[in-house]
Structures are given as C-alpha cells and as structure tokens.
Amino acid sequence: MAIHAKTSGLLIGGRVIDETEHNWIFQAIDNKRPTVVSKSDTKNKVFTGDNAVDEAMAWIESARK
C-alpha cells in the first residue's frame, strides 16, 4: 500500500510499481495508467509503509505553512 499525497490535501491510494533515484512510478487503484511522481516535486510526494497515511498528513500540514 502506498499513498500519493498532494499539498492541496488530496490523498490517493495505490502502490509503487517502481522507484528510481529521481521518481516514483505510482499506480493508483482507480487509474489505468501509472503516474510518474518526481522526488524533487514540492507539491507531490509518495509515502509507503504502515504509517503512510500519518506521514502524508504530517507532510501536508508542514507543506501548507
């Protein structure tokens, strides 16, 4: 399980298909095609693991300040 978080507050559930040095390849549950999320993007981030939702919420709060 993974969460694609946006600074707007949107949380998207899915899984990470692949991870490179610069990108995450994220497959949302309800999308046909994967999304490439840049690790240097300040408005989007992908979180994985047991605490993914908590980490995503904390990141959104800190990004909005």
PDB file of N, CA and C in Angstrom:
ATOM      1  N   MET A   1       0.845  -1.188   0.000  1.00  0.00           N
ATOM      2  CA  MET A   1       0.000   0.000   0.000  1.00  0.00           C
ATOM      3  C   MET A   1       0.878   1.236   0.000  1.00  0.00           C
ATOM      4  N   ALA A   2       0.459   2.220  -0.780  1.00  0.00           N
ATOM      5  CA  ALA A   2       1.178   3.492  -0.841  1.00  0.00           C
ATOM      6  C   ALA A   2       0.158   4.621  -0.953  1.00  0.00           C
ATOM      7  N   ILE A   3       0.573   5.807  -0.575  1.00  0.00           N
ATOM      8  CA  ILE A   3      -0.272   6.995  -0.638  1.00  0.00           C
ATOM      9  C   ILE A   3       0.451   8.059  -1.449  1.00  0.00           C
ATOM     10  N   HIS A   4      -0.210   8.571  -2.484  1.00  0.00           N
ATOM     11  CA  HIS A   4       0.289   9.726  -3.237  1.00  0.00           C
ATOM     12  C   HIS A   4      -0.418  10.943  -2.638  1.00  0.00           C
ATOM     13  N   ALA A   5       0.364  11.804  -1.991  1.00  0.00           N
ATOM     14  CA  ALA A   5      -0.191  12.978  -1.315  1.00  0.00           C
ATOM     15  C   ALA A   5       0.120  14.234  -2.119  1.00  0.00           C
ATOM     16  N   LYS A   6      -0.844  15.149  -2.123  1.00  0.00           N
ATOM     17  CA  LYS A   6      -0.665  16.442  -2.771  1.00  0.00           C
ATOM     18  C   LYS A   6      -0.857  17.527  -1.724  1.00  0.00           C
ATOM     19  N   THR A   7      -0.178  18.665  -1.897  1.00  0.00           N
ATOM     20  CA  THR A   7      -0.269  19.740  -0.909  1.00  0.00           C
ATOM     21  C   THR A   7      -1.670  20.311  -0.807  1.00  0.00           C
ATOM     22  N   SER A   8      -2.519  20.052  -1.794  1.00  0.00           N
ATOM     23  CA  SER A   8      -3.906  20.508  -1.732  1.00  0.00           C
ATOM     24  C   SER A   8      -4.707  19.729  -0.694  1.00  0.00           C
ATOM     25  N   GLY A   9      -4.152  18.606  -0.202  1.00  0.00           N
ATOM     26  CA  GLY A   9      -4.839  17.777   0.777  1.00  0.00           C
ATOM     27  C   GLY A   9      -5.349  16.475   0.203  1.00  0.00           C
ATOM     28  N   LEU A  10      -5.217  16.285  -1.096  1.00  0.00           N
ATOM     29  CA  LEU A  10      -5.691  15.069  -1.748  1.00  0.00           C
ATOM     30  C   LEU A  10      -4.767  13.901  -1.416  1.00  0.00           C
ATOM     31  N   LEU A  11      -5.354  12.784  -1.004  1.00  0.00           N
ATOM     32  CA  LEU A  11      -4.624  11.544  -0.739  1.00  0.00           C
ATOM     33  C   LEU A  11      -5.147  10.478  -1.691  1.00  0.00           C
ATOM     34  N   ILE A  12      -4.249   9.830  -2.441  1.00  0.00           N
ATOM     35  CA  ILE A  12      -4.627   8.836  -3.436  1.00  0.00           C
ATOM     36  C   ILE A  12      -3.997   7.501  -3.052  1.00  0.00           C
ATOM     37  N   GLY A  13      -4.813   6.475  -2.933  1.00  0.00           N
ATOM     38  CA  GLY A  13      -4.317   5.146  -2.583  1.00  0.00           C
ATOM     39  C   GLY A  13      -3.865   4.373  -3.797  1.00  0.00           C
ATOM     40  N   GLY A  14      -2.856   3.552  -3.625  1.00  0.00           N
ATOM     41  CA  GLY A  14      -2.360   2.729  -4.722  1.00  0.00           C
ATOM     42  C   GLY A  14      -1.127   1.969  -4.287  1.00  0.00           C
ATOM     43  N   ARG A  15      -0.229   1.732  -5.250  1.00  0.00           N
ATOM     44  CA  ARG A  15       1.013   1.027  -4.938  1.00  0.00           C
ATOM     45  C   ARG A  15       2.145   1.578  -5.797  1.00  0.00           C
ATOM     46  N   VAL A  16       3.345   1.421  -5.303  1.00  0.00           N
ATOM     47  CA  VAL A  16       4.526   1.836  -6.048  1.00  0.00           C
ATOM     48  C   VAL A  16       4.948   0.668  -6.928  1.00  0.00           C
ATOM     49  N   ILE A  17       4.938   0.895  -8.245  1.00  0.00           N
ATOM     50  CA  ILE A  17       5.343  -0.139  -9.196  1.00  0.00           C
ATOM     51  C   ILE A  17       6.862  -0.210  -9.288  1.00  0.00           C
ATOM     52  N   ASP A  18       7.493   0.972  -9.319  1.00  0.00           N
ATOM     53  CA  ASP A  18       8.946   1.042  -9.426  1.00  0.00           C
ATOM     54  C   ASP A  18       9.424   2.329  -8.768  1.00  0.00           C
ATOM     55  N   GLU A  19      10.652   2.325  -8.344  1.00  0.00           N
ATOM     56  CA  GLU A  19      11.237   3.519  -7.738  1.00  0.00           C
ATOM     57  C   GLU A  19      12.637   3.685  -8.297  1.00  0.00           C
ATOM     58  N   THR A  20      12.933   4.871  -8.810  1.00  0.00           N
ATOM     59  CA  THR A  20      14.269   5.187  -9.305  1.00  0.00           C
ATOM     60  C   THR A  20      14.901   6.220  -8.387  1.00  0.00           C
ATOM     61  N   GLU A  21      16.048   6.676  -8.756  1.00  0.00           N
ATOM     62  CA  GLU A  21      16.742   7.687  -7.960  1.00  0.00           C
ATOM     63  C   GLU A  21      15.974   9.009  -7.938  1.00  0.00           C
ATOM     64  N   HIS A  22      15.247   9.303  -9.034  1.00  0.00           N
ATOM     65  CA  HIS A  22      14.578  10.598  -9.169  1.00  0.00           C
ATOM     66  C   HIS A  22      13.052  10.535  -9.163  1.00  0.00           C
ATOM     67  N   ASN A  23      12.448   9.351  -9.291  1.00  0.00           N
ATOM     68  CA  ASN A  23      10.996   9.240  -9.437  1.00  0.00           C
ATOM     69  C   ASN A  23      10.423   8.041  -8.694  1.00  0.00           C
ATOM     70  N   TRP A  24       9.124   8.155  -8.419  1.00  0.00           N
ATOM     71  CA  TRP A  24       8.317   7.005  -8.032  1.00  0.00           C
ATOM     72  C   TRP A  24       7.364   6.738  -9.200  1.00  0.00           C
ATOM     73  N   ILE A  25       7.166   5.479  -9.547  1.00  0.00           N
ATOM     74  CA  ILE A  25       6.148   5.095 -10.522  1.00  0.00           C
ATOM     75  C   ILE A  25       4.979   4.572  -9.690  1.00  0.00           C
ATOM     76  N   PHE A  26       3.894   5.361  -9.643  1.00  0.00           N
ATOM     77  CA  PHE A  26       2.779   5.091  -8.743  1.00  0.00           C
ATOM     78  C   PHE A  26       1.553   4.666  -9.538  1.00  0.00           C
ATOM     79  N   GLN A  27       0.976   3.533  -9.172  1.00  0.00           N
ATOM     80  CA  GLN A  27      -0.254   3.043  -9.805  1.00  0.00           C
ATOM     81  C   GLN A  27      -1.413   3.233  -8.834  1.00  0.00           C
ATOM     82  N   ALA A  28      -2.269   4.221  -9.128  1.00  0.00           N
ATOM     83  CA  ALA A  28      -3.448   4.457  -8.300  1.00  0.00           C
ATOM     84  C   ALA A  28      -4.438   3.315  -8.489  1.00  0.00           C
ATOM     85  N   ILE A  29      -5.218   3.056  -7.468  1.00  0.00           N
ATOM     86  CA  ILE A  29      -6.183   1.956  -7.511  1.00  0.00           C
ATOM     87  C   ILE A  29      -7.184   2.128  -8.650  1.00  0.00           C
ATOM     88  N   ASP A  30      -7.620   3.346  -8.911  1.00  0.00           N
ATOM     89  CA  ASP A  30      -8.678   3.571  -9.902  1.00  0.00           C
ATOM     90  C   ASP A  30      -8.193   4.173 -11.221  1.00  0.00           C
ATOM     91  N   ASN A  31      -6.893   4.136 -11.512  1.00  0.00           N
ATOM     92  CA  ASN A  31      -6.369   4.630 -12.785  1.00  0.00           C
ATOM     93  C   ASN A  31      -5.844   3.484 -13.630  1.00  0.00           C
ATOM     94  N   LYS A  32      -6.001   3.593 -14.953  1.00  0.00           N
ATOM     95  CA  LYS A  32      -5.492   2.559 -15.854  1.00  0.00           C
ATOM     96  C   LYS A  32      -3.984   2.631 -16.003  1.00  0.00           C
ATOM     97  N   ARG A  33      -3.458   3.839 -16.035  1.00  0.00           N
ATOM     98  CA  ARG A  33      -2.034   4.035 -16.281  1.00  0.00           C
ATOM     99  C   ARG A  33      -1.334   4.581 -15.036  1.00  0.00           C
ATOM    100  N   PRO A  34      -0.086   4.197 -14.855  1.00  0.00           N
ATOM    101  CA  PRO A  34       0.664   4.704 -13.699  1.00  0.00           C
ATOM    102  C   PRO A  34       1.032   6.180 -13.859  1.00  0.00           C
ATOM    103  N   THR A  35       1.330   6.809 -12.733  1.00  0.00           N
ATOM    104  CA  THR A  35       1.741   8.210 -12.674  1.00  0.00           C
ATOM    105  C   THR A  35       3.197   8.257 -12.244  1.00  0.00           C
ATOM    106  N   VAL A  36       3.970   9.109 -12.899  1.00  0.00           N
ATOM    107  CA  VAL A  36       5.357   9.321 -12.503  1.00  0.00           C
ATOM    108  C   VAL A  36       5.382  10.541 -11.583  1.00  0.00           C
ATOM    109  N   VAL A  37       5.851  10.340 -10.354  1.00  0.00           N
ATOM    110  CA  VAL A  37       5.937  11.419  -9.374  1.00  0.00           C
ATOM    111  C   VAL A  37       7.412  11.686  -9.110  1.00  0.00           C
ATOM    112  N   SER A  38       7.841  12.901  -9.392  1.00  0.00           N
ATOM    113  CA  SER A  38       9.237  13.280  -9.190  1.00  0.00           C
ATOM    114  C   SER A  38       9.529  13.437  -7.695  1.00  0.00           C
ATOM    115  N   LYS A  39      10.663  12.938  -7.263  1.00  0.00           N
ATOM    116  CA  LYS A  39      11.043  13.057  -5.857  1.00  0.00           C
ATOM    117  C   LYS A  39      11.418  14.492  -5.490  1.00  0.00           C
ATOM    118  N   SER A  40      11.710  15.325  -6.480  1.00  0.00           N
ATOM    119  CA  SER A  40      12.059  16.719  -6.212  1.00  0.00           C
ATOM    120  C   SER A  40      10.845  17.644  -6.261  1.00  0.00           C
ATOM    121  N   ASP A  41       9.671  17.106  -6.567  1.00  0.00           N
ATOM    122  CA  ASP A  41       8.435  17.901  -6.631  1.00  0.00           C
ATOM    123  C   ASP A  41       8.038  18.340  -5.227  1.00  0.00           C
ATOM    124  N   THR A  42       7.827  19.633  -5.054  1.00  0.00           N
ATOM    125  CA  THR A  42       7.456  20.141  -3.730  1.00  0.00           C
ATOM    126  C   THR A  42       5.959  20.056  -3.458  1.00  0.00           C
ATOM    127  N   LYS A  43       5.142  19.722  -4.464  1.00  0.00           N
ATOM    128  CA  LYS A  43       3.694  19.672  -4.295  1.00  0.00           C
ATOM    129  C   LYS A  43       3.129  18.255  -4.281  1.00  0.00           C
ATOM    130  N   ASN A  44       3.953  17.256  -4.572  1.00  0.00           N
ATOM    131  CA  ASN A  44       3.536  15.856  -4.607  1.00  0.00           C
ATOM    132  C   ASN A  44       4.595  14.988  -3.959  1.00  0.00           C
ATOM    133  N   LYS A  45       4.145  13.948  -3.241  1.00  0.00           N
ATOM    134  CA  LYS A  45       5.071  13.023  -2.611  1.00  0.00           C
ATOM    135  C   LYS A  45       4.368  11.680  -2.418  1.00  0.00           C
ATOM    136  N   VAL A  46       5.132  10.603  -2.480  1.00  0.00           N
ATOM    137  CA  VAL A  46       4.583   9.262  -2.288  1.00  0.00           C
ATOM    138  C   VAL A  46       5.113   8.703  -0.974  1.00  0.00           C
ATOM    139  N   PHE A  47       4.222   8.120  -0.188  1.00  0.00           N
ATOM    140  CA  PHE A  47       4.560   7.524   1.103  1.00  0.00           C
ATOM    141  C   PHE A  47       4.195   6.050   1.063  1.00  0.00           C
ATOM    142  N   THR A  48       5.062   5.212   1.643  1.00  0.00           N
ATOM    143  CA  THR A  48       4.801   3.772   1.703  1.00  0.00           C
ATOM    144  C   THR A  48       4.987   3.296   3.141  1.00  0.00           C
ATOM    145  N   GLY A  49       4.495   2.120   3.411  1.00  0.00           N
ATOM    146  CA  GLY A  49       4.693   1.527   4.735  1.00  0.00           C
ATOM    147  C   GLY A  49       3.455   1.606   5.603  1.00  0.00           C
ATOM    148  N   ASP A  50       3.608   1.123   6.824  1.00  0.00           N
ATOM    149  CA  ASP A  50       2.492   1.039   7.767  1.00  0.00           C
ATOM    150  C   ASP A  50       1.962   2.396   8.199  1.00  0.00           C
ATOM    151  N   ASN A  51       2.823   3.403   8.262  1.00  0.00           N
ATOM    152  CA  ASN A  51       2.416   4.729   8.722  1.00  0.00           C
ATOM    153  C   ASN A  51       2.270   5.722   7.576  1.00  0.00           C
ATOM    154  N   ALA A  52       1.991   5.238   6.373  1.00  0.00           N
ATOM    155  CA  ALA A  52       1.943   6.106   5.186  1.00  0.00           C
ATOM    156  C   ALA A  52       0.908   7.221   5.318  1.00  0.00           C
ATOM    157  N   VAL A  53      -0.259   6.922   5.834  1.00  0.00           N
ATOM    158  CA  VAL A  53      -1.306   7.949   5.946  1.00  0.00           C
ATOM    159  C   VAL A  53      -0.908   9.016   6.959  1.00  0.00           C
ATOM    160  N   ASP A  54      -0.393   8.592   8.098  1.00  0.00           N
ATOM    161  CA  ASP A  54       0.041   9.551   9.124  1.00  0.00           C
ATOM    162  C   ASP A  54       1.175  10.436   8.607  1.00  0.00           C
ATOM    163  N   GLU A  55       2.137   9.831   7.921  1.00  0.00           N
ATOM    164  CA  GLU A  55       3.247  10.595   7.367  1.00  0.00           C
ATOM    165  C   GLU A  55       2.763  11.572   6.301  1.00  0.00           C
ATOM    166  N   ALA A  56       1.821  11.136   5.466  1.00  0.00           N
ATOM    167  CA  ALA A  56       1.284  12.006   4.424  1.00  0.00           C
ATOM    168  C   ALA A  56       0.540  13.195   5.030  1.00  0.00           C
ATOM    169  N   MET A  57      -0.247  12.949   6.056  1.00  0.00           N
ATOM    170  CA  MET A  57      -0.982  14.045   6.707  1.00  0.00           C
ATOM    171  C   MET A  57      -0.019  15.044   7.346  1.00  0.00           C
ATOM    172  N   ALA A  58       1.026  14.554   7.992  1.00  0.00           N
ATOM    173  CA  ALA A  58       2.016  15.437   8.602  1.00  0.00           C
ATOM    174  C   ALA A  58       2.743  16.255   7.540  1.00  0.00           C
ATOM    175  N   TRP A  59       3.059  15.634   6.399  1.00  0.00           N
ATOM    176  CA  TRP A  59       3.731  16.345   5.308  1.00  0.00           C
ATOM    177  C   TRP A  59       2.825  17.433   4.726  1.00  0.00           C
ATOM    178  N   ILE A  60       1.549  17.129   4.550  1.00  0.00           N
ATOM    179  CA  ILE A  60       0.598  18.131   4.027  1.00  0.00           C
ATOM    180  C   ILE A  60       0.515  19.324   4.963  1.00  0.00           C
ATOM    181  N   GLU A  61       0.413  19.057   6.254  1.00  0.00           N
ATOM    182  CA  GLU A  61       0.343  20.147   7.243  1.00  0.00           C
ATOM    183  C   GLU A  61       1.601  21.013   7.208  1.00  0.00           C
ATOM    184  N   SER A  62       2.769  20.366   7.118  1.00  0.00           N
ATOM    185  CA  SER A  62       4.002  21.154   7.094  1.00  0.00           C
ATOM    186  C   SER A  62       4.189  21.898   5.772  1.00  0.00           C
ATOM    187  N   ALA A  63       3.679  21.347   4.681  1.00  0.00           N
ATOM    188  CA  ALA A  63       3.811  21.993   3.361  1.00  0.00           C
ATOM    189  C   ALA A  63       2.891  23.205   3.245  1.00  0.00           C
ATOM    190  N   ARG A  64       1.824  23.227   4.000  1.00  0.00           N
ATOM    191  CA  ARG A  64       0.872  24.341   3.931  1.00  0.00           C
ATOM    192  C   ARG A  64       1.309  25.541   4.752  1.00  0.00           C
ATOM    193  N   LYS A  65       2.319  25.408   5.596  1.00  0.00           N
ATOM    194  CA  LYS A  65       2.763  26.508   6.460  1.00  0.00           C
ATOM    195  C   LYS A  65       3.655  27.465   5.708  1.00  0.00           C
TER     196      LYS A  65
END
